[in-house]
Amino acid sequence: MTKFSPNLELPAEVRAIAEKNVAQAREAFETLFKSTRDAVGDSEGRLEEVRTGVNDLRQKAIGLMESNVEAGFDFLQKLVSAKSPQEVLSLQAEFLSSQMGKVAEQAKTLGADAKSLGETAVRSFDERARALAERVRELSAAAAKSAQSAAEDLKSVGESVINEAKAKAGQAFDPNQKA
């Protein structure tokens, strides 16, 4: 029997539905927060991979600069030892030719490494973003389903309460019923 007393006590059916919906909402949010924490943790791992890649690239660039500076000192040492202006010009032409080839190859290698690092980072973050978006879609669908279920439960309880109220009203106003 459903009664609303002055202290506004909820009927047991409504209370059960409310408790069920609160539990479902809590579970949905806990799942959402867990997914968010997991995504943040994965993103931090991905950022660490990118940071490591950038550090490796930086170390490689420093190594190439050291190699170029060393080649410059070797060239200067050869110039100091040159015996004639023709030898100086020959050493200079050889050095410039050699260095132009080395610098072009170094730029090509660094460019390829930087491109690879960028593509890997973008692909990794894109995959995580897509996975997170899919998880949010799934959670949204579950929340919508839960809300629809709650609405149907409340509608059912409401119809039951209305039918019970109609029956009691019919009994109260039935002239054939004895008081």
N, C-alpha and C. Protein backbone atom coordinates (compact mmCIF):
# COMPACT_ATOMS: atom_id res chain seq x y z
N MET A 1 0.85 -1.17 0.00
CA MET A 1 0.00 0.00 0.00
C MET A 1 0.89 1.24 0.00
N THR A 2 0.60 2.17 -0.90
CA THR A 2 1.40 3.38 -1.02
C THR A 2 0.71 4.52 -0.31
N LYS A 3 1.43 5.19 0.57
CA LYS A 3 0.89 6.33 1.31
C LYS A 3 1.91 7.45 1.30
N PHE A 4 1.41 8.65 1.18
CA PHE A 4 2.26 9.82 1.37
C PHE A 4 1.82 10.45 2.68
N SER A 5 2.65 10.38 3.65
CA SER A 5 2.31 10.94 4.95
C SER A 5 2.84 12.36 5.03
N PRO A 6 2.49 13.08 6.06
CA PRO A 6 2.95 14.47 6.20
C PRO A 6 4.48 14.59 6.23
N ASN A 7 5.18 13.52 6.64
CA ASN A 7 6.64 13.62 6.68
C ASN A 7 7.25 13.29 5.31
N LEU A 8 6.42 13.20 4.27
CA LEU A 8 6.83 13.00 2.88
C LEU A 8 7.71 11.77 2.68
N GLU A 9 7.32 10.68 3.29
CA GLU A 9 8.04 9.43 3.12
C GLU A 9 7.78 8.90 1.71
N LEU A 10 8.87 8.50 1.05
CA LEU A 10 8.75 7.95 -0.30
C LEU A 10 8.18 6.54 -0.24
N PRO A 11 7.35 6.21 -1.21
CA PRO A 11 6.88 4.83 -1.28
C PRO A 11 8.07 3.90 -1.50
N ALA A 12 7.96 2.68 -1.03
CA ALA A 12 9.06 1.72 -1.12
C ALA A 12 9.48 1.50 -2.57
N GLU A 13 8.51 1.48 -3.51
CA GLU A 13 8.85 1.26 -4.92
C GLU A 13 9.72 2.40 -5.46
N VAL A 14 9.35 3.63 -5.12
CA VAL A 14 10.10 4.80 -5.59
C VAL A 14 11.48 4.82 -4.94
N ARG A 15 11.54 4.50 -3.65
CA ARG A 15 12.82 4.47 -2.94
C ARG A 15 13.75 3.43 -3.58
N ALA A 16 13.22 2.25 -3.92
CA ALA A 16 14.04 1.19 -4.53
C ALA A 16 14.58 1.65 -5.89
N ILE A 17 13.73 2.30 -6.66
CA ILE A 17 14.17 2.81 -7.97
C ILE A 17 15.23 3.88 -7.79
N ALA A 18 15.03 4.77 -6.85
CA ALA A 18 15.99 5.84 -6.60
C ALA A 18 17.33 5.26 -6.16
N GLU A 19 17.30 4.29 -5.26
CA GLU A 19 18.54 3.67 -4.80
C GLU A 19 19.26 2.97 -5.94
N LYS A 20 18.49 2.27 -6.78
CA LYS A 20 19.06 1.58 -7.93
C LYS A 20 19.72 2.59 -8.87
N ASN A 21 19.05 3.69 -9.12
CA ASN A 21 19.58 4.70 -10.04
C ASN A 21 20.81 5.40 -9.48
N VAL A 22 20.82 5.64 -8.20
CA VAL A 22 22.00 6.24 -7.57
C VAL A 22 23.19 5.28 -7.68
N ALA A 23 22.94 4.00 -7.43
CA ALA A 23 24.02 3.01 -7.54
C ALA A 23 24.54 2.94 -8.98
N GLN A 24 23.62 2.95 -9.95
CA GLN A 24 24.04 2.90 -11.35
C GLN A 24 24.81 4.16 -11.73
N ALA A 25 24.36 5.32 -11.28
CA ALA A 25 25.05 6.58 -11.59
C ALA A 25 26.44 6.59 -10.96
N ARG A 26 26.53 6.11 -9.72
CA ARG A 26 27.84 6.05 -9.04
C ARG A 26 28.78 5.14 -9.82
N GLU A 27 28.29 3.98 -10.23
CA GLU A 27 29.11 3.03 -10.98
C GLU A 27 29.56 3.63 -12.32
N ALA A 28 28.64 4.34 -13.00
CA ALA A 28 29.00 4.96 -14.27
C ALA A 28 30.09 6.01 -14.09
N PHE A 29 29.97 6.84 -13.05
CA PHE A 29 30.98 7.86 -12.81
C PHE A 29 32.31 7.25 -12.37
N GLU A 30 32.24 6.20 -11.56
CA GLU A 30 33.49 5.53 -11.17
C GLU A 30 34.19 4.96 -12.40
N THR A 31 33.42 4.38 -13.31
CA THR A 31 33.99 3.85 -14.55
C THR A 31 34.57 4.98 -15.39
N LEU A 32 33.85 6.08 -15.49
CA LEU A 32 34.34 7.24 -16.26
C LEU A 32 35.64 7.77 -15.66
N PHE A 33 35.68 7.91 -14.34
CA PHE A 33 36.89 8.43 -13.70
C PHE A 33 38.05 7.45 -13.84
N LYS A 34 37.77 6.15 -13.75
CA LYS A 34 38.83 5.16 -13.95
C LYS A 34 39.37 5.27 -15.37
N SER A 35 38.48 5.38 -16.33
CA SER A 35 38.90 5.52 -17.73
C SER A 35 39.73 6.79 -17.91
N THR A 36 39.31 7.86 -17.26
CA THR A 36 40.05 9.12 -17.35
C THR A 36 41.43 8.99 -16.72
N ARG A 37 41.49 8.36 -15.53
CA ARG A 37 42.80 8.16 -14.89
C ARG A 37 43.70 7.29 -15.76
N ASP A 38 43.12 6.23 -16.34
CA ASP A 38 43.91 5.35 -17.22
C ASP A 38 44.43 6.13 -18.43
N ALA A 39 43.56 6.96 -19.01
CA ALA A 39 43.95 7.74 -20.19
C ALA A 39 45.06 8.73 -19.83
N VAL A 40 44.94 9.37 -18.68
CA VAL A 40 45.98 10.31 -18.25
C VAL A 40 47.28 9.56 -18.01
N GLY A 41 47.20 8.40 -17.36
CA GLY A 41 48.41 7.60 -17.14
C GLY A 41 49.05 7.18 -18.45
N ASP A 42 48.21 6.73 -19.40
CA ASP A 42 48.74 6.35 -20.72
C ASP A 42 49.35 7.56 -21.42
N SER A 43 48.69 8.71 -21.30
CA SER A 43 49.21 9.92 -21.94
C SER A 43 50.55 10.31 -21.34
N GLU A 44 50.67 10.15 -20.02
CA GLU A 44 51.96 10.46 -19.39
C GLU A 44 53.04 9.53 -19.91
N GLY A 45 52.69 8.26 -20.09
CA GLY A 45 53.65 7.31 -20.66
C GLY A 45 54.03 7.70 -22.07
N ARG A 46 53.04 8.12 -22.85
CA ARG A 46 53.31 8.54 -24.23
C ARG A 46 54.18 9.80 -24.23
N LEU A 47 53.88 10.72 -23.32
CA LEU A 47 54.70 11.93 -23.23
C LEU A 47 56.14 11.59 -22.86
N GLU A 48 56.30 10.60 -21.99
CA GLU A 48 57.66 10.18 -21.61
C GLU A 48 58.38 9.59 -22.82
N GLU A 49 57.66 8.81 -23.64
CA GLU A 49 58.26 8.26 -24.86
C GLU A 49 58.70 9.39 -25.80
N VAL A 50 57.84 10.39 -25.94
CA VAL A 50 58.17 11.53 -26.81
C VAL A 50 59.37 12.29 -26.24
N ARG A 51 59.36 12.52 -24.92
CA ARG A 51 60.47 13.23 -24.28
C ARG A 51 61.78 12.46 -24.50
N THR A 52 61.73 11.15 -24.34
CA THR A 52 62.92 10.33 -24.57
C THR A 52 63.37 10.45 -26.02
N GLY A 53 62.42 10.41 -26.95
CA GLY A 53 62.74 10.56 -28.37
C GLY A 53 63.37 11.91 -28.68
N VAL A 54 62.84 12.96 -28.06
CA VAL A 54 63.39 14.30 -28.27
C VAL A 54 64.80 14.38 -27.68
N ASN A 55 65.00 13.79 -26.51
CA ASN A 55 66.35 13.77 -25.91
C ASN A 55 67.33 13.02 -26.79
N ASP A 56 66.90 11.88 -27.33
CA ASP A 56 67.78 11.12 -28.23
C ASP A 56 68.12 11.94 -29.47
N LEU A 57 67.11 12.62 -30.00
CA LEU A 57 67.33 13.45 -31.19
C LEU A 57 68.30 14.60 -30.87
N ARG A 58 68.13 15.19 -29.69
CA ARG A 58 69.01 16.28 -29.27
C ARG A 58 70.45 15.78 -29.11
N GLN A 59 70.60 14.61 -28.50
CA GLN A 59 71.95 14.04 -28.33
C GLN A 59 72.58 13.73 -29.68
N LYS A 60 71.79 13.25 -30.60
CA LYS A 60 72.30 12.96 -31.94
C LYS A 60 72.76 14.26 -32.62
N ALA A 61 71.96 15.32 -32.48
CA ALA A 61 72.32 16.61 -33.08
C ALA A 61 73.60 17.16 -32.46
N ILE A 62 73.73 17.01 -31.14
CA ILE A 62 74.95 17.48 -30.48
C ILE A 62 76.15 16.68 -30.98
N GLY A 63 75.97 15.37 -31.11
CA GLY A 63 77.05 14.52 -31.64
C GLY A 63 77.46 14.93 -33.04
N LEU A 64 76.49 15.28 -33.88
CA LEU A 64 76.80 15.72 -35.24
C LEU A 64 77.53 17.06 -35.23
N MET A 65 77.11 17.95 -34.34
CA MET A 65 77.80 19.24 -34.24
C MET A 65 79.24 19.04 -33.77
N GLU A 66 79.43 18.16 -32.81
CA GLU A 66 80.79 17.86 -32.35
C GLU A 66 81.64 17.31 -33.49
N SER A 67 81.05 16.42 -34.26
CA SER A 67 81.77 15.85 -35.41
C SER A 67 82.16 16.94 -36.40
N ASN A 68 81.24 17.88 -36.66
CA ASN A 68 81.52 18.97 -37.59
C ASN A 68 82.60 19.91 -37.05
N VAL A 69 82.55 20.19 -35.77
CA VAL A 69 83.58 21.05 -35.16
C VAL A 69 84.94 20.34 -35.22
N GLU A 70 84.94 19.04 -34.93
CA GLU A 70 86.19 18.26 -35.00
C GLU A 70 86.75 18.28 -36.42
N ALA A 71 85.87 18.14 -37.41
CA ALA A 71 86.32 18.20 -38.81
C ALA A 71 86.91 19.57 -39.12
N GLY A 72 86.31 20.63 -38.56
CA GLY A 72 86.84 21.98 -38.75
C GLY A 72 88.23 22.13 -38.15
N PHE A 73 88.44 21.58 -36.95
CA PHE A 73 89.77 21.65 -36.34
C PHE A 73 90.79 20.83 -37.14
N ASP A 74 90.37 19.67 -37.63
CA ASP A 74 91.26 18.86 -38.47
C ASP A 74 91.66 19.64 -39.72
N PHE A 75 90.69 20.33 -40.31
CA PHE A 75 90.96 21.15 -41.50
C PHE A 75 91.96 22.27 -41.16
N LEU A 76 91.74 22.93 -40.04
CA LEU A 76 92.67 24.00 -39.64
C LEU A 76 94.09 23.46 -39.41
N GLN A 77 94.16 22.29 -38.83
CA GLN A 77 95.47 21.67 -38.61
C GLN A 77 96.16 21.40 -39.94
N LYS A 78 95.42 20.94 -40.94
CA LYS A 78 95.99 20.68 -42.27
C LYS A 78 96.41 21.99 -42.94
N LEU A 79 95.61 23.05 -42.73
CA LEU A 79 95.96 24.35 -43.32
C LEU A 79 97.28 24.86 -42.76
N VAL A 80 97.44 24.71 -41.45
CA VAL A 80 98.67 25.17 -40.81
C VAL A 80 99.88 24.43 -41.39
N SER A 81 99.69 23.20 -41.78
CA SER A 81 100.79 22.38 -42.31
C SER A 81 100.98 22.54 -43.81
N ALA A 82 100.09 23.29 -44.47
CA ALA A 82 100.18 23.44 -45.94
C ALA A 82 101.48 24.14 -46.33
N LYS A 83 102.04 23.74 -47.47
CA LYS A 83 103.33 24.26 -47.92
C LYS A 83 103.20 25.31 -49.02
N SER A 84 101.99 25.36 -49.65
CA SER A 84 101.86 26.32 -50.75
C SER A 84 100.42 26.81 -50.84
N PRO A 85 100.24 27.96 -51.52
CA PRO A 85 98.88 28.46 -51.70
C PRO A 85 97.99 27.46 -52.46
N GLN A 86 98.58 26.72 -53.43
CA GLN A 86 97.79 25.74 -54.16
C GLN A 86 97.30 24.63 -53.22
N GLU A 87 98.17 24.23 -52.29
CA GLU A 87 97.76 23.19 -51.33
C GLU A 87 96.65 23.72 -50.43
N VAL A 88 96.72 24.99 -50.02
CA VAL A 88 95.67 25.61 -49.20
C VAL A 88 94.35 25.57 -49.95
N LEU A 89 94.37 25.99 -51.23
CA LEU A 89 93.14 26.00 -52.04
C LEU A 89 92.60 24.58 -52.22
N SER A 90 93.49 23.64 -52.44
CA SER A 90 93.09 22.23 -52.61
C SER A 90 92.45 21.70 -51.33
N LEU A 91 93.09 21.98 -50.17
CA LEU A 91 92.54 21.53 -48.88
C LEU A 91 91.17 22.16 -48.61
N GLN A 92 91.08 23.46 -48.95
CA GLN A 92 89.82 24.17 -48.72
C GLN A 92 88.72 23.58 -49.59
N ALA A 93 88.99 23.33 -50.85
CA ALA A 93 87.99 22.76 -51.76
C ALA A 93 87.57 21.37 -51.28
N GLU A 94 88.56 20.58 -50.86
CA GLU A 94 88.26 19.23 -50.37
C GLU A 94 87.40 19.28 -49.11
N PHE A 95 87.76 20.19 -48.19
CA PHE A 95 87.02 20.33 -46.94
C PHE A 95 85.58 20.77 -47.21
N LEU A 96 85.41 21.81 -48.01
CA LEU A 96 84.07 22.32 -48.31
C LEU A 96 83.21 21.26 -48.98
N SER A 97 83.78 20.56 -49.92
CA SER A 97 83.04 19.49 -50.61
C SER A 97 82.63 18.40 -49.62
N SER A 98 83.57 17.99 -48.81
CA SER A 98 83.31 16.94 -47.83
C SER A 98 82.24 17.39 -46.82
N GLN A 99 82.40 18.60 -46.30
CA GLN A 99 81.46 19.11 -45.29
C GLN A 99 80.07 19.32 -45.87
N MET A 100 79.97 19.79 -47.10
CA MET A 100 78.65 19.98 -47.71
C MET A 100 77.91 18.64 -47.79
N GLY A 101 78.62 17.59 -48.18
CA GLY A 101 78.02 16.25 -48.24
C GLY A 101 77.61 15.75 -46.86
N LYS A 102 78.51 15.97 -45.88
CA LYS A 102 78.21 15.52 -44.52
C LYS A 102 77.00 16.27 -43.94
N VAL A 103 76.98 17.58 -44.12
CA VAL A 103 75.88 18.39 -43.58
C VAL A 103 74.56 18.00 -44.25
N ALA A 104 74.59 17.77 -45.55
CA ALA A 104 73.36 17.35 -46.25
C ALA A 104 72.88 16.00 -45.71
N GLU A 105 73.79 15.06 -45.52
CA GLU A 105 73.42 13.74 -44.99
C GLU A 105 72.92 13.85 -43.55
N GLN A 106 73.57 14.69 -42.75
CA GLN A 106 73.15 14.89 -41.37
C GLN A 106 71.75 15.50 -41.31
N ALA A 107 71.51 16.50 -42.15
CA ALA A 107 70.19 17.14 -42.17
C ALA A 107 69.12 16.13 -42.59
N LYS A 108 69.45 15.31 -43.57
CA LYS A 108 68.52 14.29 -44.03
C LYS A 108 68.21 13.30 -42.90
N THR A 109 69.23 12.84 -42.22
CA THR A 109 69.06 11.88 -41.12
C THR A 109 68.26 12.49 -39.97
N LEU A 110 68.64 13.71 -39.56
CA LEU A 110 67.91 14.37 -38.47
C LEU A 110 66.46 14.64 -38.86
N GLY A 111 66.26 15.08 -40.10
CA GLY A 111 64.90 15.33 -40.58
C GLY A 111 64.06 14.07 -40.55
N ALA A 112 64.62 12.95 -41.00
CA ALA A 112 63.89 11.68 -41.00
C ALA A 112 63.59 11.23 -39.57
N ASP A 113 64.56 11.39 -38.67
CA ASP A 113 64.34 11.02 -37.28
C ASP A 113 63.27 11.89 -36.63
N ALA A 114 63.33 13.20 -36.88
CA ALA A 114 62.33 14.11 -36.32
C ALA A 114 60.95 13.80 -36.88
N LYS A 115 60.88 13.54 -38.17
CA LYS A 115 59.60 13.19 -38.79
C LYS A 115 59.04 11.91 -38.19
N SER A 116 59.88 10.91 -38.04
CA SER A 116 59.45 9.63 -37.46
C SER A 116 58.95 9.83 -36.03
N LEU A 117 59.69 10.61 -35.25
CA LEU A 117 59.28 10.89 -33.87
C LEU A 117 57.94 11.60 -33.85
N GLY A 118 57.78 12.60 -34.70
CA GLY A 118 56.51 13.34 -34.76
C GLY A 118 55.36 12.44 -35.18
N GLU A 119 55.58 11.62 -36.19
CA GLU A 119 54.52 10.73 -36.65
C GLU A 119 54.14 9.71 -35.58
N THR A 120 55.14 9.19 -34.90
CA THR A 120 54.88 8.22 -33.83
C THR A 120 54.08 8.87 -32.71
N ALA A 121 54.48 10.08 -32.33
CA ALA A 121 53.78 10.79 -31.25
C ALA A 121 52.34 11.08 -31.66
N VAL A 122 52.15 11.59 -32.86
CA VAL A 122 50.80 11.93 -33.31
C VAL A 122 49.94 10.67 -33.39
N ARG A 123 50.50 9.61 -33.96
CA ARG A 123 49.75 8.36 -34.09
C ARG A 123 49.37 7.82 -32.71
N SER A 124 50.31 7.86 -31.78
CA SER A 124 50.06 7.35 -30.44
C SER A 124 48.97 8.17 -29.73
N PHE A 125 49.09 9.48 -29.79
CA PHE A 125 48.08 10.33 -29.14
C PHE A 125 46.73 10.20 -29.84
N ASP A 126 46.75 10.07 -31.16
CA ASP A 126 45.50 9.90 -31.90
C ASP A 126 44.81 8.60 -31.49
N GLU A 127 45.58 7.52 -31.38
CA GLU A 127 45.01 6.24 -30.97
C GLU A 127 44.39 6.35 -29.58
N ARG A 128 45.10 7.00 -28.66
CA ARG A 128 44.57 7.15 -27.30
C ARG A 128 43.33 8.03 -27.29
N ALA A 129 43.35 9.11 -28.07
CA ALA A 129 42.19 10.00 -28.13
C ALA A 129 40.98 9.26 -28.69
N ARG A 130 41.20 8.47 -29.74
CA ARG A 130 40.10 7.71 -30.32
C ARG A 130 39.56 6.67 -29.33
N ALA A 131 40.46 5.99 -28.64
CA ALA A 131 40.03 4.99 -27.65
C ALA A 131 39.25 5.65 -26.52
N LEU A 132 39.73 6.80 -26.07
CA LEU A 132 39.03 7.51 -25.00
C LEU A 132 37.67 8.00 -25.48
N ALA A 133 37.61 8.53 -26.69
CA ALA A 133 36.33 8.99 -27.24
C ALA A 133 35.35 7.82 -27.36
N GLU A 134 35.83 6.67 -27.78
CA GLU A 134 34.96 5.49 -27.88
C GLU A 134 34.47 5.08 -26.51
N ARG A 135 35.35 5.12 -25.52
CA ARG A 135 34.95 4.76 -24.15
C ARG A 135 33.91 5.74 -23.63
N VAL A 136 34.07 7.02 -23.91
CA VAL A 136 33.09 8.03 -23.47
C VAL A 136 31.76 7.77 -24.17
N ARG A 137 31.80 7.42 -25.47
CA ARG A 137 30.56 7.09 -26.18
C ARG A 137 29.86 5.90 -25.53
N GLU A 138 30.64 4.87 -25.19
CA GLU A 138 30.07 3.69 -24.55
C GLU A 138 29.43 4.05 -23.21
N LEU A 139 30.15 4.86 -22.44
CA LEU A 139 29.61 5.27 -21.14
C LEU A 139 28.37 6.13 -21.30
N SER A 140 28.36 7.00 -22.31
CA SER A 140 27.19 7.83 -22.57
C SER A 140 25.99 6.97 -22.95
N ALA A 141 26.24 5.97 -23.78
CA ALA A 141 25.15 5.06 -24.18
C ALA A 141 24.62 4.31 -22.96
N ALA A 142 25.54 3.85 -22.10
CA ALA A 142 25.12 3.15 -20.88
C ALA A 142 24.33 4.07 -19.97
N ALA A 143 24.77 5.33 -19.86
CA ALA A 143 24.05 6.30 -19.02
C ALA A 143 22.67 6.57 -19.59
N ALA A 144 22.58 6.70 -20.91
CA ALA A 144 21.28 6.94 -21.54
C ALA A 144 20.36 5.74 -21.32
N LYS A 145 20.90 4.54 -21.44
CA LYS A 145 20.12 3.32 -21.22
C LYS A 145 19.64 3.26 -19.77
N SER A 146 20.54 3.61 -18.85
CA SER A 146 20.20 3.61 -17.44
C SER A 146 19.11 4.64 -17.14
N ALA A 147 19.24 5.82 -17.76
CA ALA A 147 18.23 6.87 -17.56
C ALA A 147 16.88 6.43 -18.13
N GLN A 148 16.92 5.77 -19.29
CA GLN A 148 15.68 5.29 -19.90
C GLN A 148 15.04 4.23 -19.01
N SER A 149 15.86 3.35 -18.48
CA SER A 149 15.36 2.31 -17.58
C SER A 149 14.74 2.93 -16.33
N ALA A 150 15.40 3.95 -15.79
CA ALA A 150 14.87 4.63 -14.61
C ALA A 150 13.55 5.31 -14.93
N ALA A 151 13.48 5.94 -16.09
CA ALA A 151 12.23 6.60 -16.49
C ALA A 151 11.11 5.58 -16.64
N GLU A 152 11.43 4.44 -17.23
CA GLU A 152 10.41 3.39 -17.38
C GLU A 152 9.98 2.85 -16.02
N ASP A 153 10.95 2.67 -15.12
CA ASP A 153 10.62 2.20 -13.77
C ASP A 153 9.72 3.21 -13.06
N LEU A 154 10.08 4.49 -13.16
CA LEU A 154 9.27 5.53 -12.51
C LEU A 154 7.88 5.61 -13.14
N LYS A 155 7.81 5.46 -14.43
CA LYS A 155 6.51 5.49 -15.12
C LYS A 155 5.65 4.33 -14.62
N SER A 156 6.27 3.16 -14.52
CA SER A 156 5.55 1.99 -14.05
C SER A 156 5.05 2.18 -12.62
N VAL A 157 5.92 2.70 -11.76
CA VAL A 157 5.51 2.96 -10.38
C VAL A 157 4.42 4.02 -10.34
N GLY A 158 4.60 5.06 -11.16
CA GLY A 158 3.58 6.13 -11.22
C GLY A 158 2.23 5.59 -11.66
N GLU A 159 2.23 4.74 -12.68
CA GLU A 159 0.98 4.14 -13.15
C GLU A 159 0.36 3.27 -12.07
N SER A 160 1.20 2.55 -11.35
CA SER A 160 0.72 1.70 -10.26
C SER A 160 0.10 2.54 -9.15
N VAL A 161 0.77 3.62 -8.81
CA VAL A 161 0.24 4.51 -7.76
C VAL A 161 -1.07 5.13 -8.21
N ILE A 162 -1.13 5.55 -9.48
CA ILE A 162 -2.37 6.16 -10.00
C ILE A 162 -3.50 5.14 -9.99
N ASN A 163 -3.21 3.93 -10.45
CA ASN A 163 -4.25 2.89 -10.46
C ASN A 163 -4.73 2.57 -9.05
N GLU A 164 -3.77 2.51 -8.09
CA GLU A 164 -4.14 2.25 -6.71
C GLU A 164 -4.99 3.40 -6.16
N ALA A 165 -4.61 4.64 -6.51
CA ALA A 165 -5.36 5.80 -6.05
C ALA A 165 -6.76 5.81 -6.65
N LYS A 166 -6.87 5.45 -7.93
CA LYS A 166 -8.19 5.38 -8.57
C LYS A 166 -9.06 4.33 -7.90
N ALA A 167 -8.45 3.19 -7.62
CA ALA A 167 -9.21 2.12 -6.98
C ALA A 167 -9.70 2.55 -5.61
N LYS A 168 -8.84 3.21 -4.84
CA LYS A 168 -9.24 3.67 -3.50
C LYS A 168 -10.28 4.77 -3.60
N ALA A 169 -10.10 5.65 -4.62
CA ALA A 169 -11.10 6.71 -4.81
C ALA A 169 -12.43 6.10 -5.21
N GLY A 170 -12.39 5.09 -6.08
CA GLY A 170 -13.63 4.43 -6.49
C GLY A 170 -14.30 3.76 -5.32
N GLN A 171 -13.52 3.16 -4.44
CA GLN A 171 -14.08 2.50 -3.27
C GLN A 171 -14.65 3.54 -2.31
N ALA A 172 -13.97 4.68 -2.19
CA ALA A 172 -14.43 5.71 -1.24
C ALA A 172 -15.74 6.33 -1.70
N PHE A 173 -15.95 6.43 -3.00
CA PHE A 173 -17.15 7.08 -3.51
C PHE A 173 -18.22 6.08 -3.98
N ASP A 174 -18.00 4.80 -3.75
CA ASP A 174 -18.95 3.78 -4.19
C ASP A 174 -20.12 3.79 -3.22
N PRO A 175 -21.30 4.10 -3.74
CA PRO A 175 -22.47 4.17 -2.84
C PRO A 175 -22.89 2.79 -2.33
N ASN A 176 -22.47 1.73 -2.97
CA ASN A 176 -22.87 0.38 -2.56
C ASN A 176 -21.98 -0.15 -1.43
N GLN A 177 -20.90 0.54 -1.19
CA GLN A 177 -19.98 0.09 -0.15
C GLN A 177 -20.41 0.67 1.18
N LYS A 178 -20.37 -0.17 2.22
CA LYS A 178 -20.78 0.29 3.55
C LYS A 178 -19.61 0.94 4.26
N ALA A 179 -19.90 1.95 4.99
CA ALA A 179 -18.87 2.67 5.70
C ALA A 179 -18.53 2.04 6.98
